[in-house]
Amino acid sequence: MASTKITVKSNGSLKVEGDFEIVDMEGNFYGLEGREIISICRCGLSQNKPFCDGSHKGHFEHDAKAFNLPPRKSVN
């Protein structure tokens, strides 16, 4: 099975590494040119969305600390 790791970086992007594909809403593939590590923008300031271009520096604060989500809501 393919393995993908996503790291939430403090004050920054989502680092995606491993075996992955990225598609748009229509299912079209982004050309990643063989990259096995990319960064996805979380701040909305990148000129290269959905990819991070470093525009967040000094403009985005988030202390990335892992936590447990609440239990899933049951559907009746």
PDB file of N, CA and C in Angstrom:
ATOM      1  N   MET A   1       0.850  -1.195   0.000  1.00  0.00           N
ATOM      2  CA  MET A   1       0.000   0.000   0.000  1.00  0.00           C
ATOM      3  C   MET A   1       0.881   1.239   0.000  1.00  0.00           C
ATOM      4  N   ALA A   2       0.497   2.239  -0.766  1.00  0.00           N
ATOM      5  CA  ALA A   2       1.244   3.491  -0.841  1.00  0.00           C
ATOM      6  C   ALA A   2       1.164   4.239   0.478  1.00  0.00           C
ATOM      7  N   SER A   3       2.210   4.967   0.771  1.00  0.00           N
ATOM      8  CA  SER A   3       2.261   5.705   2.027  1.00  0.00           C
ATOM      9  C   SER A   3       2.403   7.194   1.747  1.00  0.00           C
ATOM     10  N   THR A   4       1.552   7.980   2.392  1.00  0.00           N
ATOM     11  CA  THR A   4       1.608   9.429   2.281  1.00  0.00           C
ATOM     12  C   THR A   4       1.629  10.003   3.691  1.00  0.00           C
ATOM     13  N   LYS A   5       2.505  10.955   3.914  1.00  0.00           N
ATOM     14  CA  LYS A   5       2.597  11.617   5.212  1.00  0.00           C
ATOM     15  C   LYS A   5       2.321  13.102   4.989  1.00  0.00           C
ATOM     16  N   ILE A   6       1.431  13.665   5.818  1.00  0.00           N
ATOM     17  CA  ILE A   6       1.127  15.092   5.778  1.00  0.00           C
ATOM     18  C   ILE A   6       1.537  15.676   7.120  1.00  0.00           C
ATOM     19  N   THR A   7       2.420  16.663   7.077  1.00  0.00           N
ATOM     20  CA  THR A   7       2.898  17.324   8.290  1.00  0.00           C
ATOM     21  C   THR A   7       2.344  18.742   8.326  1.00  0.00           C
ATOM     22  N   VAL A   8       1.626  19.081   9.409  1.00  0.00           N
ATOM     23  CA  VAL A   8       1.109  20.428   9.603  1.00  0.00           C
ATOM     24  C   VAL A   8       2.227  21.232  10.252  1.00  0.00           C
ATOM     25  N   LYS A   9       2.742  22.217   9.525  1.00  0.00           N
ATOM     26  CA  LYS A   9       3.871  22.992  10.012  1.00  0.00           C
ATOM     27  C   LYS A   9       3.370  24.234  10.753  1.00  0.00           C
ATOM     28  N   SER A  10       3.962  24.502  11.909  1.00  0.00           N
ATOM     29  CA  SER A  10       3.606  25.711  12.651  1.00  0.00           C
ATOM     30  C   SER A  10       3.879  26.930  11.787  1.00  0.00           C
ATOM     31  N   ASN A  11       2.946  27.860  11.781  1.00  0.00           N
ATOM     32  CA  ASN A  11       3.073  29.115  11.038  1.00  0.00           C
ATOM     33  C   ASN A  11       3.369  28.895   9.557  1.00  0.00           C
ATOM     34  N   GLY A  12       2.883  27.797   9.008  1.00  0.00           N
ATOM     35  CA  GLY A  12       3.214  27.527   7.614  1.00  0.00           C
ATOM     36  C   GLY A  12       2.295  26.557   6.922  1.00  0.00           C
ATOM     37  N   SER A  13       2.869  25.859   5.984  1.00  0.00           N
ATOM     38  CA  SER A  13       2.138  25.031   5.040  1.00  0.00           C
ATOM     39  C   SER A  13       1.866  23.618   5.546  1.00  0.00           C
ATOM     40  N   LEU A  14       1.206  22.843   4.693  1.00  0.00           N
ATOM     41  CA  LEU A  14       1.056  21.409   4.890  1.00  0.00           C
ATOM     42  C   LEU A  14       2.107  20.742   4.012  1.00  0.00           C
ATOM     43  N   LYS A  15       3.034  20.040   4.617  1.00  0.00           N
ATOM     44  CA  LYS A  15       4.072  19.324   3.871  1.00  0.00           C
ATOM     45  C   LYS A  15       3.544  17.940   3.539  1.00  0.00           C
ATOM     46  N   VAL A  16       3.491  17.610   2.252  1.00  0.00           N
ATOM     47  CA  VAL A  16       2.987  16.322   1.783  1.00  0.00           C
ATOM     48  C   VAL A  16       4.167  15.564   1.193  1.00  0.00           C
ATOM     49  N   GLU A  17       4.365  14.338   1.676  1.00  0.00           N
ATOM     50  CA  GLU A  17       5.477  13.549   1.155  1.00  0.00           C
ATOM     51  C   GLU A  17       5.073  12.094   1.008  1.00  0.00           C
ATOM     52  N   GLY A  18       5.672  11.448   0.034  1.00  0.00           N
ATOM     53  CA  GLY A  18       5.380  10.043  -0.215  1.00  0.00           C
ATOM     54  C   GLY A  18       4.808   9.845  -1.598  1.00  0.00           C
ATOM     55  N   ASP A  19       3.862   8.936  -1.702  1.00  0.00           N
ATOM     56  CA  ASP A  19       3.216   8.596  -2.962  1.00  0.00           C
ATOM     57  C   ASP A  19       1.837   9.249  -2.971  1.00  0.00           C
ATOM     58  N   PHE A  20       1.646  10.247  -3.819  1.00  0.00           N
ATOM     59  CA  PHE A  20       0.373  10.980  -3.830  1.00  0.00           C
ATOM     60  C   PHE A  20       0.126  11.575  -5.206  1.00  0.00           C
ATOM     61  N   GLU A  21      -1.124  11.935  -5.444  1.00  0.00           N
ATOM     62  CA  GLU A  21      -1.547  12.678  -6.624  1.00  0.00           C
ATOM     63  C   GLU A  21      -2.379  13.846  -6.132  1.00  0.00           C
ATOM     64  N   ILE A  22      -2.372  14.930  -6.882  1.00  0.00           N
ATOM     65  CA  ILE A  22      -3.203  16.090  -6.557  1.00  0.00           C
ATOM     66  C   ILE A  22      -4.022  16.411  -7.791  1.00  0.00           C
ATOM     67  N   VAL A  23      -5.341  16.521  -7.594  1.00  0.00           N
ATOM     68  CA  VAL A  23      -6.249  16.817  -8.697  1.00  0.00           C
ATOM     69  C   VAL A  23      -7.108  18.025  -8.357  1.00  0.00           C
ATOM     70  N   ASP A  24      -7.606  18.705  -9.397  1.00  0.00           N
ATOM     71  CA  ASP A  24      -8.521  19.822  -9.185  1.00  0.00           C
ATOM     72  C   ASP A  24      -9.949  19.297  -9.064  1.00  0.00           C
ATOM     73  N   MET A  25     -10.914  20.192  -8.941  1.00  0.00           N
ATOM     74  CA  MET A  25     -12.312  19.811  -8.744  1.00  0.00           C
ATOM     75  C   MET A  25     -12.885  19.003  -9.910  1.00  0.00           C
ATOM     76  N   GLU A  26     -12.269  19.121 -11.083  1.00  0.00           N
ATOM     77  CA  GLU A  26     -12.743  18.388 -12.254  1.00  0.00           C
ATOM     78  C   GLU A  26     -11.994  17.079 -12.450  1.00  0.00           C
ATOM     79  N   GLY A  27     -11.076  16.771 -11.548  1.00  0.00           N
ATOM     80  CA  GLY A  27     -10.316  15.535 -11.643  1.00  0.00           C
ATOM     81  C   GLY A  27      -9.058  15.632 -12.480  1.00  0.00           C
ATOM     82  N   ASN A  28      -8.691  16.845 -12.913  1.00  0.00           N
ATOM     83  CA  ASN A  28      -7.471  17.049 -13.689  1.00  0.00           C
ATOM     84  C   ASN A  28      -6.261  17.020 -12.768  1.00  0.00           C
ATOM     85  N   PHE A  29      -5.215  16.329 -13.201  1.00  0.00           N
ATOM     86  CA  PHE A  29      -4.010  16.189 -12.393  1.00  0.00           C
ATOM     87  C   PHE A  29      -3.105  17.414 -12.498  1.00  0.00           C
ATOM     88  N   TYR A  30      -2.571  17.846 -11.352  1.00  0.00           N
ATOM     89  CA  TYR A  30      -1.504  18.841 -11.343  1.00  0.00           C
ATOM     90  C   TYR A  30      -0.219  18.128 -11.742  1.00  0.00           C
ATOM     91  N   GLY A  31       0.575  18.743 -12.617  1.00  0.00           N
ATOM     92  CA  GLY A  31       1.852  18.167 -13.029  1.00  0.00           C
ATOM     93  C   GLY A  31       2.902  18.427 -11.964  1.00  0.00           C
ATOM     94  N   LEU A  32       3.241  17.427 -11.202  1.00  0.00           N
ATOM     95  CA  LEU A  32       4.178  17.584 -10.087  1.00  0.00           C
ATOM     96  C   LEU A  32       5.626  17.334 -10.501  1.00  0.00           C
ATOM     97  N   GLU A  33       5.851  16.983 -11.757  1.00  0.00           N
ATOM     98  CA  GLU A  33       7.190  16.816 -12.317  1.00  0.00           C
ATOM     99  C   GLU A  33       8.080  15.909 -11.472  1.00  0.00           C
ATOM    100  N   GLY A  34       7.506  14.822 -10.980  1.00  0.00           N
ATOM    101  CA  GLY A  34       8.271  13.826 -10.249  1.00  0.00           C
ATOM    102  C   GLY A  34       8.543  14.137  -8.789  1.00  0.00           C
ATOM    103  N   ARG A  35       7.986  15.228  -8.284  1.00  0.00           N
ATOM    104  CA  ARG A  35       8.225  15.587  -6.878  1.00  0.00           C
ATOM    105  C   ARG A  35       7.590  14.569  -5.948  1.00  0.00           C
ATOM    106  N   GLU A  36       8.301  14.231  -4.879  1.00  0.00           N
ATOM    107  CA  GLU A  36       7.789  13.344  -3.838  1.00  0.00           C
ATOM    108  C   GLU A  36       7.523  14.099  -2.550  1.00  0.00           C
ATOM    109  N   ILE A  37       7.853  15.394  -2.539  1.00  0.00           N
ATOM    110  CA  ILE A  37       7.573  16.285  -1.410  1.00  0.00           C
ATOM    111  C   ILE A  37       7.093  17.611  -1.984  1.00  0.00           C
ATOM    112  N   ILE A  38       5.944  18.075  -1.499  1.00  0.00           N
ATOM    113  CA  ILE A  38       5.434  19.395  -1.881  1.00  0.00           C
ATOM    114  C   ILE A  38       4.842  20.048  -0.633  1.00  0.00           C
ATOM    115  N   SER A  39       4.590  21.345  -0.712  1.00  0.00           N
ATOM    116  CA  SER A  39       3.945  22.071   0.379  1.00  0.00           C
ATOM    117  C   SER A  39       2.666  22.711  -0.143  1.00  0.00           C
ATOM    118  N   ILE A  40       1.579  22.521   0.598  1.00  0.00           N
ATOM    119  CA  ILE A  40       0.274  23.079   0.254  1.00  0.00           C
ATOM    120  C   ILE A  40       0.028  24.316   1.109  1.00  0.00           C
ATOM    121  N   CYS A  41      -0.446  25.392   0.474  1.00  0.00           N
ATOM    122  CA  CYS A  41      -0.723  26.655   1.157  1.00  0.00           C
ATOM    123  C   CYS A  41      -1.894  26.499   2.130  1.00  0.00           C
ATOM    124  N   ARG A  42      -1.731  27.054   3.333  1.00  0.00           N
ATOM    125  CA  ARG A  42      -2.836  27.107   4.304  1.00  0.00           C
ATOM    126  C   ARG A  42      -3.279  28.532   4.571  1.00  0.00           C
ATOM    127  N   CYS A  43      -2.442  29.513   4.246  1.00  0.00           N
ATOM    128  CA  CYS A  43      -2.731  30.898   4.630  1.00  0.00           C
ATOM    129  C   CYS A  43      -3.569  31.650   3.598  1.00  0.00           C
ATOM    130  N   GLY A  44      -3.586  31.180   2.356  1.00  0.00           N
ATOM    131  CA  GLY A  44      -4.338  31.847   1.298  1.00  0.00           C
ATOM    132  C   GLY A  44      -3.582  32.969   0.619  1.00  0.00           C
ATOM    133  N   LEU A  45      -2.326  33.223   0.994  1.00  0.00           N
ATOM    134  CA  LEU A  45      -1.558  34.333   0.428  1.00  0.00           C
ATOM    135  C   LEU A  45      -0.697  33.942  -0.762  1.00  0.00           C
ATOM    136  N   SER A  46      -0.508  32.653  -1.004  1.00  0.00           N
ATOM    137  CA  SER A  46       0.376  32.194  -2.076  1.00  0.00           C
ATOM    138  C   SER A  46      -0.123  32.648  -3.442  1.00  0.00           C
ATOM    139  N   GLN A  47       0.799  33.039  -4.306  1.00  0.00           N
ATOM    140  CA  GLN A  47       0.475  33.359  -5.691  1.00  0.00           C
ATOM    141  C   GLN A  47       0.501  32.097  -6.548  1.00  0.00           C
ATOM    142  N   ASN A  48       0.825  30.964  -5.926  1.00  0.00           N
ATOM    143  CA  ASN A  48       0.982  29.691  -6.619  1.00  0.00           C
ATOM    144  C   ASN A  48       0.038  28.639  -6.037  1.00  0.00           C
ATOM    145  N   LYS A  49      -1.164  29.071  -5.583  1.00  0.00           N
ATOM    146  CA  LYS A  49      -2.111  28.142  -4.964  1.00  0.00           C
ATOM    147  C   LYS A  49      -2.427  26.990  -5.894  1.00  0.00           C
ATOM    148  N   PRO A  50      -2.563  25.794  -5.417  1.00  0.00           N
ATOM    149  CA  PRO A  50      -2.666  25.402  -4.025  1.00  0.00           C
ATOM    150  C   PRO A  50      -1.317  25.198  -3.346  1.00  0.00           C
ATOM    151  N   PHE A  51      -0.236  25.485  -4.055  1.00  0.00           N
ATOM    152  CA  PHE A  51       1.091  25.241  -3.512  1.00  0.00           C
ATOM    153  C   PHE A  51       1.608  26.447  -2.745  1.00  0.00           C
ATOM    154  N   CYS A  52       2.414  26.195  -1.746  1.00  0.00           N
ATOM    155  CA  CYS A  52       2.988  27.246  -0.907  1.00  0.00           C
ATOM    156  C   CYS A  52       4.160  27.910  -1.629  1.00  0.00           C
ATOM    157  N   ASP A  53       4.219  29.242  -1.564  1.00  0.00           N
ATOM    158  CA  ASP A  53       5.360  29.957  -2.121  1.00  0.00           C
ATOM    159  C   ASP A  53       6.100  30.769  -1.056  1.00  0.00           C
ATOM    160  N   GLY A  54       5.760  30.541   0.226  1.00  0.00           N
ATOM    161  CA  GLY A  54       6.437  31.231   1.323  1.00  0.00           C
ATOM    162  C   GLY A  54       5.831  32.574   1.691  1.00  0.00           C
ATOM    163  N   SER A  55       4.733  32.975   1.041  1.00  0.00           N
ATOM    164  CA  SER A  55       4.112  34.276   1.318  1.00  0.00           C
ATOM    165  C   SER A  55       3.595  34.407   2.737  1.00  0.00           C
ATOM    166  N   HIS A  56       3.402  33.292   3.443  1.00  0.00           N
ATOM    167  CA  HIS A  56       2.858  33.297   4.801  1.00  0.00           C
ATOM    168  C   HIS A  56       3.824  33.884   5.823  1.00  0.00           C
ATOM    169  N   LYS A  57       5.096  33.898   5.522  1.00  0.00           N
ATOM    170  CA  LYS A  57       6.104  34.310   6.508  1.00  0.00           C
ATOM    171  C   LYS A  57       5.775  35.683   7.096  1.00  0.00           C
ATOM    172  N   GLY A  58       5.541  35.701   8.405  1.00  0.00           N
ATOM    173  CA  GLY A  58       5.210  36.926   9.108  1.00  0.00           C
ATOM    174  C   GLY A  58       3.752  37.326   9.029  1.00  0.00           C
ATOM    175  N   HIS A  59       2.926  36.539   8.336  1.00  0.00           N
ATOM    176  CA  HIS A  59       1.517  36.899   8.131  1.00  0.00           C
ATOM    177  C   HIS A  59       0.543  35.804   8.535  1.00  0.00           C
ATOM    178  N   PHE A  60       1.042  34.721   9.096  1.00  0.00           N
ATOM    179  CA  PHE A  60       0.177  33.583   9.398  1.00  0.00           C
ATOM    180  C   PHE A  60       0.686  32.918  10.659  1.00  0.00           C
ATOM    181  N   GLU A  61      -0.179  32.812  11.656  1.00  0.00           N
ATOM    182  CA  GLU A  61       0.233  32.195  12.912  1.00  0.00           C
ATOM    183  C   GLU A  61      -0.670  31.024  13.250  1.00  0.00           C
ATOM    184  N   HIS A  62      -0.049  29.895  13.464  1.00  0.00           N
ATOM    185  CA  HIS A  62      -0.765  28.707  13.915  1.00  0.00           C
ATOM    186  C   HIS A  62       0.247  27.781  14.554  1.00  0.00           C
ATOM    187  N   ASP A  63       0.053  27.466  15.814  1.00  0.00           N
ATOM    188  CA  ASP A  63       0.935  26.562  16.542  1.00  0.00           C
ATOM    189  C   ASP A  63       0.435  25.147  16.324  1.00  0.00           C
ATOM    190  N   ALA A  64       1.071  24.422  15.439  1.00  0.00           N
ATOM    191  CA  ALA A  64       0.615  23.085  15.059  1.00  0.00           C
ATOM    192  C   ALA A  64       0.912  22.070  16.158  1.00  0.00           C
ATOM    193  N   LYS A  65      -0.112  21.697  16.881  1.00  0.00           N
ATOM    194  CA  LYS A  65      -0.027  20.679  17.938  1.00  0.00           C
ATOM    195  C   LYS A  65      -1.123  19.657  17.684  1.00  0.00           C
ATOM    196  N   ALA A  66      -0.759  18.388  17.664  1.00  0.00           N
ATOM    197  CA  ALA A  66      -1.732  17.327  17.397  1.00  0.00           C
ATOM    198  C   ALA A  66      -2.766  17.224  18.516  1.00  0.00           C
ATOM    199  N   PHE A  67      -3.976  16.849  18.142  1.00  0.00           N
ATOM    200  CA  PHE A  67      -5.062  16.634  19.109  1.00  0.00           C
ATOM    201  C   PHE A  67      -6.015  15.610  18.526  1.00  0.00           C
ATOM    202  N   ASN A  68      -6.889  15.070  19.364  1.00  0.00           N
ATOM    203  CA  ASN A  68      -7.877  14.110  18.930  1.00  0.00           C
ATOM    204  C   ASN A  68      -9.176  14.814  18.552  1.00  0.00           C
ATOM    205  N   LEU A  69      -9.737  14.424  17.436  1.00  0.00           N
ATOM    206  CA  LEU A  69     -11.044  14.962  17.040  1.00  0.00           C
ATOM    207  C   LEU A  69     -12.110  14.356  17.953  1.00  0.00           C
ATOM    208  N   PRO A  70     -13.243  15.048  18.110  1.00  0.00           N
ATOM    209  CA  PRO A  70     -14.333  14.445  18.886  1.00  0.00           C
ATOM    210  C   PRO A  70     -14.889  13.251  18.117  1.00  0.00           C
ATOM    211  N   PRO A  71     -15.609  12.364  18.811  1.00  0.00           N
ATOM    212  CA  PRO A  71     -16.182  11.205  18.128  1.00  0.00           C
ATOM    213  C   PRO A  71     -17.062  11.631  16.960  1.00  0.00           C
ATOM    214  N   ARG A  72     -17.106  10.786  15.939  1.00  0.00           N
ATOM    215  CA  ARG A  72     -17.956  11.069  14.787  1.00  0.00           C
ATOM    216  C   ARG A  72     -19.415  11.055  15.200  1.00  0.00           C
ATOM    217  N   LYS A  73     -20.195  11.924  14.615  1.00  0.00           N
ATOM    218  CA  LYS A  73     -21.624  11.947  14.878  1.00  0.00           C
ATOM    219  C   LYS A  73     -22.270  10.769  14.173  1.00  0.00           C
ATOM    220  N   SER A  74     -23.190  10.115  14.864  1.00  0.00           N
ATOM    221  CA  SER A  74     -23.874   8.977  14.244  1.00  0.00           C
ATOM    222  C   SER A  74     -25.002   9.502  13.368  1.00  0.00           C
ATOM    223  N   VAL A  75     -25.208   8.799  12.252  1.00  0.00           N
ATOM    224  CA  VAL A  75     -26.285   9.149  11.333  1.00  0.00           C
ATOM    225  C   VAL A  75     -27.421   8.184  11.568  1.00  0.00           C
ATOM    226  N   ASN A  76     -28.582   8.728  11.926  1.00  0.00           N
ATOM    227  CA  ASN A  76     -29.751   7.881  12.209  1.00  0.00           C
ATOM    228  C   ASN A  76     -30.692   7.833  11.054  1.00  0.00           C
TER     229      ASN A  76
END
